[in-house]
Amino acid sequence: MMMVMAGIFGIVLMAVLGTYYFRNKKRHRKTALFCKALATSVSGLLLLGYLYGARTGESAGGVLSGWADGVILEAAFAGTLAAIVFYMAADVLLECRFIWGAVCFGIGHICMAAGFLLSGESVLHPEKNGGYTVDTGLFCLALAVFAALMASACAALHRYFHSLKKKKLFYPLLAYVLILSLMAALAVTAGGLIPAAGGLCFAVSDVLLGRNRLGKRRSAVCGAFVLILYYAAVYLFAMRLWI
């Protein structure tokens, strides 16, 4: 019950902090950016709290009961926490130096993807001798999802390719979309609706962010959807280790 209440409190706190950022990002920039990153940190704090409870035997269920066999829990926790730290840094950098913010998000996606792979949640399965085997079926599914996400993102952003090539930003964008699609594909094939929803939320959020940033006019409604989907994705990635 305590863990459920903590999860609900986390949602409320993220909503409050995210709303403050969205409404005050122009008037109180520094405080708003702090609240934006703090909202992202809530998922990491919840994950640390659950990890502490699991280690001390105060929490039951979740990863302890459902993932006792065939999953390296340390890799899942480490990859997710590392990703959240980079996402927090990106929250601030994106508003100050957009390119560096995108780089931080890309590193965060790599950490998250590594967590999915090395933990054995997705296409790789750990063996007792310390090695890994590849699940051929999941690998093919992940490849198909990756291709679909890449194609969808390119279709949504193709109108901006010409101007990006002039600014020498086309290939950095393409690299980012590749990393994002890889992470989301691994999330979709990790098993269960929670990581799949998190991966898709992140993919849609970033594509909407790209369209809103690169377009001639920025939509406040689109910006709100970007923020909601982003926080939902980070929260779901953390919650997959709870449930």
Protein backbone atom coordinates (compact mmCIF):
# COMPACT_ATOMS: atom_id res chain seq x y z
CA MET A 1 0.00 0.00 0.00
CA MET A 2 2.85 2.37 0.83
CA MET A 3 4.39 1.84 -2.59
CA VAL A 4 1.05 2.47 -4.31
CA MET A 5 0.58 5.70 -2.38
CA ALA A 6 4.13 6.76 -3.25
CA GLY A 7 3.44 6.11 -6.93
CA ILE A 8 0.26 8.19 -6.86
CA PHE A 9 2.01 10.97 -4.95
CA GLY A 10 4.74 10.90 -7.59
CA ILE A 11 2.20 11.46 -10.37
CA VAL A 12 0.65 14.40 -8.53
CA LEU A 13 4.04 15.94 -7.76
CA MET A 14 5.22 15.61 -11.36
CA ALA A 15 1.98 17.21 -12.56
CA VAL A 16 2.35 20.15 -10.16
CA LEU A 17 6.01 20.78 -10.99
CA GLY A 18 5.45 20.33 -14.72
CA THR A 19 2.49 22.71 -14.67
CA TYR A 20 4.52 25.35 -12.83
CA TYR A 21 7.27 25.06 -15.44
CA PHE A 22 4.84 25.30 -18.35
CA ARG A 23 3.07 28.37 -16.96
CA ASN A 24 6.16 30.24 -15.76
CA LYS A 25 8.95 29.29 -18.19
CA LYS A 26 9.03 32.81 -19.61
CA ARG A 27 8.38 34.89 -16.48
CA HIS A 28 10.46 32.93 -13.95
CA ARG A 29 12.88 31.08 -16.19
CA LYS A 30 15.39 29.77 -13.65
CA THR A 31 12.80 28.56 -11.15
CA ALA A 32 10.72 27.05 -13.94
CA LEU A 33 13.70 25.11 -15.33
CA PHE A 34 14.51 23.85 -11.85
CA CYS A 35 10.94 22.59 -11.48
CA LYS A 36 11.08 20.97 -14.92
CA ALA A 37 14.17 18.94 -13.99
CA LEU A 38 12.80 18.25 -10.52
CA ALA A 39 9.65 16.74 -12.04
CA THR A 40 11.81 14.35 -14.05
CA SER A 41 13.79 13.45 -10.92
CA VAL A 42 10.62 12.25 -9.16
CA SER A 43 10.66 9.01 -11.17
CA GLY A 44 14.30 8.45 -10.25
CA LEU A 45 13.58 9.10 -6.57
CA LEU A 46 10.66 6.67 -6.65
CA LEU A 47 12.91 4.09 -8.24
CA LEU A 48 15.58 4.61 -5.57
CA GLY A 49 12.92 4.32 -2.89
CA TYR A 50 11.69 1.05 -4.33
CA LEU A 51 15.24 -0.24 -4.65
CA TYR A 52 15.86 0.58 -0.98
CA GLY A 53 12.64 -1.18 0.00
CA ALA A 54 13.57 -4.22 -2.06
CA ARG A 55 17.03 -4.42 -0.53
CA THR A 56 15.69 -4.12 3.03
CA GLY A 57 12.77 -6.47 2.45
CA GLU A 58 10.18 -3.76 3.05
CA SER A 59 8.58 -4.08 -0.38
CA ALA A 60 7.10 -7.15 -1.98
CA GLY A 61 6.09 -8.14 -5.47
CA GLY A 62 7.26 -6.15 -8.45
CA VAL A 63 10.67 -7.07 -9.74
CA LEU A 64 11.43 -9.37 -6.82
CA SER A 65 8.62 -11.79 -7.57
CA GLY A 66 8.10 -11.25 -11.29
CA TRP A 67 11.72 -11.00 -12.40
CA ALA A 68 13.48 -13.38 -10.06
CA ASP A 69 14.64 -15.61 -12.92
CA GLY A 70 16.38 -14.62 -16.13
CA VAL A 71 16.66 -10.88 -15.53
CA ILE A 72 19.66 -8.95 -14.22
CA LEU A 73 17.96 -6.43 -11.95
CA GLU A 74 21.07 -4.33 -11.36
CA ALA A 75 21.39 -3.59 -15.09
CA ALA A 76 17.73 -2.58 -15.33
CA PHE A 77 17.99 -0.22 -12.36
CA ALA A 78 21.38 1.21 -13.35
CA GLY A 79 20.37 1.86 -16.97
CA THR A 80 17.09 3.51 -15.98
CA LEU A 81 18.59 5.70 -13.25
CA ALA A 82 21.48 6.79 -15.48
CA ALA A 83 19.01 7.68 -18.23
CA ILE A 84 16.88 9.75 -15.83
CA VAL A 85 19.96 11.70 -14.71
CA PHE A 86 20.79 12.58 -18.32
CA TYR A 87 17.14 13.46 -18.99
CA MET A 88 17.25 15.89 -16.06
CA ALA A 89 20.36 17.56 -17.49
CA ALA A 90 18.70 17.70 -20.91
CA ASP A 91 15.62 19.38 -19.41
CA VAL A 92 17.73 22.42 -18.58
CA LEU A 93 20.17 22.34 -21.51
CA LEU A 94 17.37 22.06 -24.05
CA GLU A 95 16.18 25.55 -23.07
CA CYS A 96 19.69 27.03 -23.03
CA ARG A 97 21.68 25.14 -25.68
CA PHE A 98 19.25 23.07 -27.72
CA ILE A 99 21.93 20.96 -29.42
CA TRP A 100 23.58 20.00 -26.13
CA GLY A 101 20.18 19.23 -24.67
CA ALA A 102 19.52 16.87 -27.57
CA VAL A 103 22.93 15.26 -27.02
CA CYS A 104 22.05 14.65 -23.35
CA PHE A 105 18.72 13.13 -24.34
CA GLY A 106 20.53 10.91 -26.83
CA ILE A 107 22.95 9.69 -24.14
CA GLY A 108 19.97 9.07 -21.86
CA HIS A 109 18.32 6.96 -24.57
CA ILE A 110 21.53 4.94 -24.96
CA CYS A 111 21.59 4.30 -21.19
CA MET A 112 17.95 3.22 -21.25
CA ALA A 113 18.53 0.96 -24.25
CA ALA A 114 21.56 -0.58 -22.52
CA GLY A 115 19.39 -1.26 -19.49
CA PHE A 116 16.81 -3.07 -21.61
CA LEU A 117 19.50 -5.12 -23.34
CA LEU A 118 21.86 -6.00 -20.49
CA SER A 119 19.06 -6.77 -18.04
CA GLY A 120 17.65 -9.42 -20.37
CA GLU A 121 14.27 -7.71 -20.69
CA SER A 122 14.35 -7.50 -24.47
CA VAL A 123 16.18 -9.33 -27.27
CA LEU A 124 19.08 -10.60 -25.15
CA HIS A 125 18.67 -13.22 -22.43
CA PRO A 126 21.41 -13.74 -19.81
CA GLU A 127 22.88 -17.20 -19.28
CA LYS A 128 24.27 -18.71 -16.11
CA ASN A 129 27.80 -18.66 -17.51
CA GLY A 130 27.67 -14.88 -17.84
CA GLY A 131 26.91 -14.72 -21.57
CA TYR A 132 23.79 -13.83 -23.52
CA THR A 133 21.62 -15.52 -26.11
CA VAL A 134 19.61 -13.71 -28.74
CA ASP A 135 15.86 -14.27 -28.93
CA THR A 136 15.40 -14.45 -32.70
CA GLY A 137 11.68 -13.74 -32.58
CA LEU A 138 12.07 -10.65 -30.38
CA PHE A 139 15.01 -9.48 -32.48
CA CYS A 140 12.90 -9.56 -35.65
CA LEU A 141 10.04 -7.80 -33.86
CA ALA A 142 12.39 -5.14 -32.50
CA LEU A 143 13.83 -4.63 -35.98
CA ALA A 144 10.34 -4.20 -37.45
CA VAL A 145 9.32 -1.73 -34.72
CA PHE A 146 12.59 0.17 -35.18
CA ALA A 147 12.01 0.47 -38.93
CA ALA A 148 8.40 1.59 -38.40
CA LEU A 149 9.44 4.26 -35.87
CA MET A 150 12.24 5.53 -38.08
CA ALA A 151 9.92 5.75 -41.08
CA SER A 152 7.20 7.49 -39.07
CA ALA A 153 9.62 10.05 -37.62
CA CYS A 154 11.15 10.80 -41.01
CA ALA A 155 7.69 11.16 -42.56
CA ALA A 156 6.67 13.60 -39.82
CA LEU A 157 9.84 15.69 -40.09
CA HIS A 158 10.73 15.40 -43.78
CA ARG A 159 9.50 18.91 -44.62
CA TYR A 160 12.32 20.35 -42.51
CA PHE A 161 15.12 18.23 -44.00
CA HIS A 162 16.09 20.80 -46.64
CA SER A 163 16.59 23.63 -44.15
CA LEU A 164 18.39 21.32 -41.74
CA LYS A 165 20.84 20.31 -44.47
CA LYS A 166 21.67 23.99 -45.02
CA LYS A 167 22.40 24.37 -41.30
CA LYS A 168 24.38 21.08 -41.26
CA LEU A 169 21.94 19.65 -38.72
CA PHE A 170 20.36 16.95 -40.85
CA TYR A 171 22.76 14.15 -39.91
CA PRO A 172 22.73 14.97 -36.19
CA LEU A 173 18.92 14.84 -36.32
CA LEU A 174 19.04 11.55 -38.20
CA ALA A 175 21.43 10.10 -35.61
CA TYR A 176 19.14 11.22 -32.80
CA VAL A 177 16.07 9.71 -34.45
CA LEU A 178 17.99 6.45 -34.93
CA ILE A 179 18.94 6.29 -31.21
CA LEU A 180 15.41 7.25 -30.12
CA SER A 181 13.85 4.62 -32.38
CA LEU A 182 16.26 1.95 -31.14
CA MET A 183 15.46 2.70 -27.50
CA ALA A 184 11.71 2.77 -28.15
CA ALA A 185 11.86 -0.49 -30.13
CA LEU A 186 13.65 -2.22 -27.25
CA ALA A 187 11.04 -0.82 -24.84
CA VAL A 188 8.20 -2.17 -26.98
CA THR A 189 9.78 -5.63 -27.05
CA ALA A 190 10.69 -5.62 -23.34
CA GLY A 191 7.45 -7.36 -22.43
CA GLY A 192 4.31 -5.83 -21.00
CA LEU A 193 2.29 -2.73 -21.77
CA ILE A 194 4.12 -0.42 -19.35
CA PRO A 195 7.57 -0.29 -21.04
CA ALA A 196 5.92 -0.40 -24.48
CA ALA A 197 3.74 2.59 -23.62
CA GLY A 198 6.77 4.41 -22.23
CA GLY A 199 8.78 3.88 -25.40
CA LEU A 200 5.94 5.01 -27.67
CA CYS A 201 5.20 8.05 -25.49
CA PHE A 202 8.84 9.14 -25.73
CA ALA A 203 8.94 8.62 -29.50
CA VAL A 204 5.76 10.63 -30.09
CA SER A 205 6.85 13.34 -27.63
CA ASP A 206 10.20 13.89 -29.36
CA VAL A 207 8.69 13.96 -32.84
CA LEU A 208 6.11 16.52 -31.71
CA LEU A 209 8.89 18.53 -30.09
CA GLY A 210 10.82 18.50 -33.35
CA ARG A 211 7.84 19.68 -35.36
CA ASN A 212 7.06 22.40 -32.83
CA ARG A 213 10.66 23.64 -32.72
CA LEU A 214 11.35 23.49 -36.43
CA GLY A 215 8.01 24.90 -37.58
CA LYS A 216 7.42 28.58 -38.23
CA ARG A 217 4.93 28.84 -35.39
CA ARG A 218 5.14 27.18 -32.01
CA SER A 219 1.94 25.81 -30.57
CA ALA A 220 1.34 26.01 -26.82
CA VAL A 221 -1.06 23.07 -27.07
CA CYS A 222 1.57 20.97 -28.82
CA GLY A 223 4.11 22.02 -26.20
CA ALA A 224 1.78 20.83 -23.45
CA PHE A 225 1.32 17.45 -25.14
CA VAL A 226 5.11 17.11 -25.53
CA LEU A 227 5.60 17.69 -21.81
CA ILE A 228 2.79 15.33 -20.73
CA LEU A 229 4.02 12.51 -22.97
CA TYR A 230 7.62 13.03 -21.86
CA TYR A 231 6.82 12.84 -18.14
CA ALA A 232 4.53 9.87 -18.77
CA ALA A 233 7.36 8.05 -20.58
CA VAL A 234 9.91 8.60 -17.82
CA TYR A 235 7.38 7.61 -15.15
CA LEU A 236 6.40 4.44 -17.03
CA PHE A 237 10.03 3.43 -17.49
CA ALA A 238 10.52 3.67 -13.74
CA MET A 239 7.21 1.95 -12.96
CA ARG A 240 8.11 -1.08 -15.09
CA LEU A 241 10.53 -1.99 -12.30
CA TRP A 242 7.80 -1.71 -9.68
CA ILE A 243 5.02 -3.77 -11.22
